[in-house]
Amino acid sequence: MATPGACSTLIPDSWRQGVPGAPLPVGGVVGDWIAFADAQTGQLDKANGRTADTLAIIERCEARDRAAVKRTG
């Protein structure tokens, strides 16, 4: 018998905390702000990647569970 809710246990607990934003620069140096924008974009890419990875993990887990149920039935 498949364990209900077991798929969510495959997602790393640390992902529940979210992805922090890049630290804001101090001062008005344009280069520092450009570096911040680049770093912030990297953090957004990481967050979006986690969302896609989470959905893929759960979909594969659910497919695995469905196949197991079919094999036993």
N, C-alpha and C. Protein backbone atom coordinates (compact mmCIF):
# COMPACT_ATOMS: atom_id res chain seq x y z
N MET A 1 0.85 -1.18 0.00
CA MET A 1 0.00 0.00 0.00
C MET A 1 0.89 1.24 0.00
N ALA A 2 0.52 2.23 -0.78
CA ALA A 2 1.28 3.48 -0.87
C ALA A 2 1.08 4.31 0.39
N THR A 3 2.13 5.00 0.80
CA THR A 3 2.05 5.85 1.97
C THR A 3 1.52 7.22 1.55
N PRO A 4 0.36 7.64 2.06
CA PRO A 4 -0.18 8.94 1.67
C PRO A 4 0.72 10.08 2.14
N GLY A 5 0.95 11.02 1.26
CA GLY A 5 1.72 12.21 1.62
C GLY A 5 3.22 12.00 1.63
N ALA A 6 3.69 10.82 1.24
CA ALA A 6 5.13 10.55 1.32
C ALA A 6 5.92 11.37 0.32
N CYS A 7 5.32 11.81 -0.76
CA CYS A 7 6.05 12.56 -1.78
C CYS A 7 6.62 13.87 -1.25
N SER A 8 5.89 14.53 -0.40
CA SER A 8 6.36 15.82 0.10
C SER A 8 7.59 15.67 0.98
N THR A 9 7.84 14.48 1.52
CA THR A 9 9.02 14.29 2.35
C THR A 9 10.30 14.29 1.52
N LEU A 10 10.17 14.21 0.21
CA LEU A 10 11.34 14.23 -0.66
C LEU A 10 11.88 15.63 -0.91
N ILE A 11 11.10 16.64 -0.56
CA ILE A 11 11.51 18.04 -0.77
C ILE A 11 12.39 18.45 0.42
N PRO A 12 13.57 19.02 0.17
CA PRO A 12 14.45 19.41 1.28
C PRO A 12 13.76 20.39 2.25
N ASP A 13 13.92 20.14 3.53
CA ASP A 13 13.33 21.02 4.55
C ASP A 13 13.84 22.45 4.42
N SER A 14 15.09 22.61 4.01
CA SER A 14 15.66 23.96 3.92
C SER A 14 14.93 24.80 2.89
N TRP A 15 14.25 24.17 1.92
CA TRP A 15 13.53 24.92 0.90
C TRP A 15 12.29 25.60 1.47
N ARG A 16 11.83 25.17 2.63
CA ARG A 16 10.67 25.81 3.27
C ARG A 16 11.00 27.24 3.70
N GLN A 17 12.28 27.52 3.87
CA GLN A 17 12.70 28.86 4.31
C GLN A 17 12.71 29.86 3.17
N GLY A 18 12.66 29.38 1.95
CA GLY A 18 12.70 30.30 0.81
C GLY A 18 14.12 30.70 0.47
N VAL A 19 14.25 31.47 -0.56
CA VAL A 19 15.55 31.95 -1.03
C VAL A 19 15.66 33.42 -0.63
N PRO A 20 16.67 33.77 0.15
CA PRO A 20 16.80 35.17 0.56
C PRO A 20 17.20 36.05 -0.61
N GLY A 21 16.80 37.29 -0.53
CA GLY A 21 17.21 38.27 -1.53
C GLY A 21 18.69 38.59 -1.37
N ALA A 22 19.26 39.17 -2.39
CA ALA A 22 20.65 39.60 -2.32
C ALA A 22 20.74 40.80 -1.38
N PRO A 23 21.86 40.95 -0.67
CA PRO A 23 21.99 42.11 0.22
C PRO A 23 22.06 43.42 -0.57
N LEU A 24 21.37 44.41 -0.07
CA LEU A 24 21.38 45.73 -0.70
C LEU A 24 22.76 46.37 -0.52
N PRO A 25 23.24 47.06 -1.56
CA PRO A 25 24.51 47.76 -1.41
C PRO A 25 24.36 48.99 -0.52
N VAL A 26 25.47 49.38 0.06
CA VAL A 26 25.49 50.58 0.88
C VAL A 26 26.08 51.69 0.02
N GLY A 27 25.40 52.82 -0.02
CA GLY A 27 25.92 53.94 -0.80
C GLY A 27 25.32 54.02 -2.19
N GLY A 28 25.87 54.87 -2.99
CA GLY A 28 25.31 55.16 -4.30
C GLY A 28 26.22 54.83 -5.47
N VAL A 29 27.18 53.95 -5.27
CA VAL A 29 28.09 53.59 -6.36
C VAL A 29 27.33 52.74 -7.37
N VAL A 30 27.28 53.22 -8.59
CA VAL A 30 26.48 52.56 -9.64
C VAL A 30 26.91 51.10 -9.83
N GLY A 31 28.19 50.84 -9.83
CA GLY A 31 28.69 49.47 -10.01
C GLY A 31 28.19 48.52 -8.94
N ASP A 32 28.08 49.04 -7.70
CA ASP A 32 27.57 48.21 -6.62
C ASP A 32 26.11 47.84 -6.85
N TRP A 33 25.35 48.79 -7.38
CA TRP A 33 23.93 48.53 -7.67
C TRP A 33 23.77 47.58 -8.84
N ILE A 34 24.66 47.67 -9.82
CA ILE A 34 24.62 46.73 -10.93
C ILE A 34 24.94 45.32 -10.43
N ALA A 35 25.93 45.20 -9.57
CA ALA A 35 26.28 43.90 -8.98
C ALA A 35 25.12 43.36 -8.15
N PHE A 36 24.44 44.24 -7.42
CA PHE A 36 23.27 43.82 -6.64
C PHE A 36 22.18 43.27 -7.56
N ALA A 37 21.89 43.98 -8.65
CA ALA A 37 20.84 43.54 -9.56
C ALA A 37 21.18 42.18 -10.15
N ASP A 38 22.43 41.97 -10.47
CA ASP A 38 22.87 40.68 -11.01
C ASP A 38 22.70 39.58 -9.95
N ALA A 39 23.10 39.87 -8.71
CA ALA A 39 22.98 38.90 -7.63
C ALA A 39 21.51 38.59 -7.33
N GLN A 40 20.68 39.63 -7.36
CA GLN A 40 19.25 39.44 -7.09
C GLN A 40 18.62 38.56 -8.17
N THR A 41 19.02 38.76 -9.41
CA THR A 41 18.52 37.92 -10.50
C THR A 41 18.95 36.47 -10.29
N GLY A 42 20.16 36.27 -9.82
CA GLY A 42 20.63 34.91 -9.51
C GLY A 42 19.79 34.25 -8.43
N GLN A 43 19.42 35.03 -7.41
CA GLN A 43 18.59 34.48 -6.33
C GLN A 43 17.19 34.14 -6.85
N LEU A 44 16.66 34.97 -7.73
CA LEU A 44 15.35 34.69 -8.32
C LEU A 44 15.42 33.43 -9.18
N ASP A 45 16.49 33.28 -9.95
CA ASP A 45 16.67 32.06 -10.74
C ASP A 45 16.69 30.83 -9.84
N LYS A 46 17.38 30.94 -8.71
CA LYS A 46 17.46 29.82 -7.76
C LYS A 46 16.07 29.49 -7.21
N ALA A 47 15.31 30.51 -6.84
CA ALA A 47 13.96 30.29 -6.30
C ALA A 47 13.05 29.65 -7.34
N ASN A 48 13.09 30.16 -8.56
CA ASN A 48 12.26 29.59 -9.62
C ASN A 48 12.68 28.15 -9.93
N GLY A 49 13.96 27.87 -9.85
CA GLY A 49 14.45 26.51 -10.07
C GLY A 49 13.93 25.56 -9.01
N ARG A 50 13.89 26.01 -7.76
CA ARG A 50 13.35 25.17 -6.69
C ARG A 50 11.89 24.84 -6.94
N THR A 51 11.12 25.80 -7.42
CA THR A 51 9.71 25.55 -7.70
C THR A 51 9.58 24.47 -8.77
N ALA A 52 10.31 24.62 -9.85
CA ALA A 52 10.25 23.63 -10.93
C ALA A 52 10.73 22.27 -10.45
N ASP A 53 11.81 22.24 -9.68
CA ASP A 53 12.34 20.98 -9.17
C ASP A 53 11.35 20.31 -8.22
N THR A 54 10.71 21.09 -7.36
CA THR A 54 9.73 20.54 -6.42
C THR A 54 8.57 19.89 -7.16
N LEU A 55 8.05 20.59 -8.15
CA LEU A 55 6.94 20.03 -8.92
C LEU A 55 7.37 18.75 -9.64
N ALA A 56 8.56 18.73 -10.20
CA ALA A 56 9.05 17.54 -10.90
C ALA A 56 9.23 16.37 -9.94
N ILE A 57 9.76 16.63 -8.75
CA ILE A 57 9.95 15.57 -7.75
C ILE A 57 8.60 14.97 -7.36
N ILE A 58 7.64 15.82 -7.07
CA ILE A 58 6.33 15.33 -6.65
C ILE A 58 5.64 14.57 -7.79
N GLU A 59 5.74 15.07 -9.02
CA GLU A 59 5.13 14.37 -10.16
C GLU A 59 5.74 12.99 -10.35
N ARG A 60 7.08 12.88 -10.25
CA ARG A 60 7.73 11.57 -10.40
C ARG A 60 7.36 10.65 -9.25
N CYS A 61 7.25 11.19 -8.07
CA CYS A 61 6.87 10.39 -6.90
C CYS A 61 5.45 9.84 -7.06
N GLU A 62 4.54 10.70 -7.48
CA GLU A 62 3.16 10.28 -7.68
C GLU A 62 3.06 9.23 -8.78
N ALA A 63 3.83 9.40 -9.86
CA ALA A 63 3.83 8.41 -10.94
C ALA A 63 4.38 7.08 -10.44
N ARG A 64 5.42 7.13 -9.64
CA ARG A 64 5.99 5.91 -9.06
C ARG A 64 4.97 5.20 -8.20
N ASP A 65 4.24 5.98 -7.37
CA ASP A 65 3.23 5.39 -6.49
C ASP A 65 2.09 4.78 -7.29
N ARG A 66 1.65 5.47 -8.35
CA ARG A 66 0.58 4.92 -9.19
C ARG A 66 1.01 3.61 -9.83
N ALA A 67 2.27 3.56 -10.31
CA ALA A 67 2.76 2.34 -10.93
C ALA A 67 2.84 1.20 -9.92
N ALA A 68 3.23 1.51 -8.69
CA ALA A 68 3.31 0.49 -7.65
C ALA A 68 1.92 -0.06 -7.33
N VAL A 69 0.94 0.81 -7.27
CA VAL A 69 -0.44 0.37 -6.98
C VAL A 69 -0.94 -0.52 -8.12
N LYS A 70 -0.64 -0.16 -9.36
CA LYS A 70 -1.06 -0.98 -10.51
C LYS A 70 -0.41 -2.37 -10.47
N ARG A 71 0.86 -2.42 -10.08
CA ARG A 71 1.56 -3.70 -10.02
C ARG A 71 0.98 -4.60 -8.94
N THR A 72 0.47 -4.03 -7.88
CA THR A 72 -0.07 -4.86 -6.79
C THR A 72 -1.53 -5.21 -6.99
N GLY A 73 -2.19 -4.51 -7.91
CA GLY A 73 -3.63 -4.72 -8.09
C GLY A 73 -3.88 -5.58 -9.23
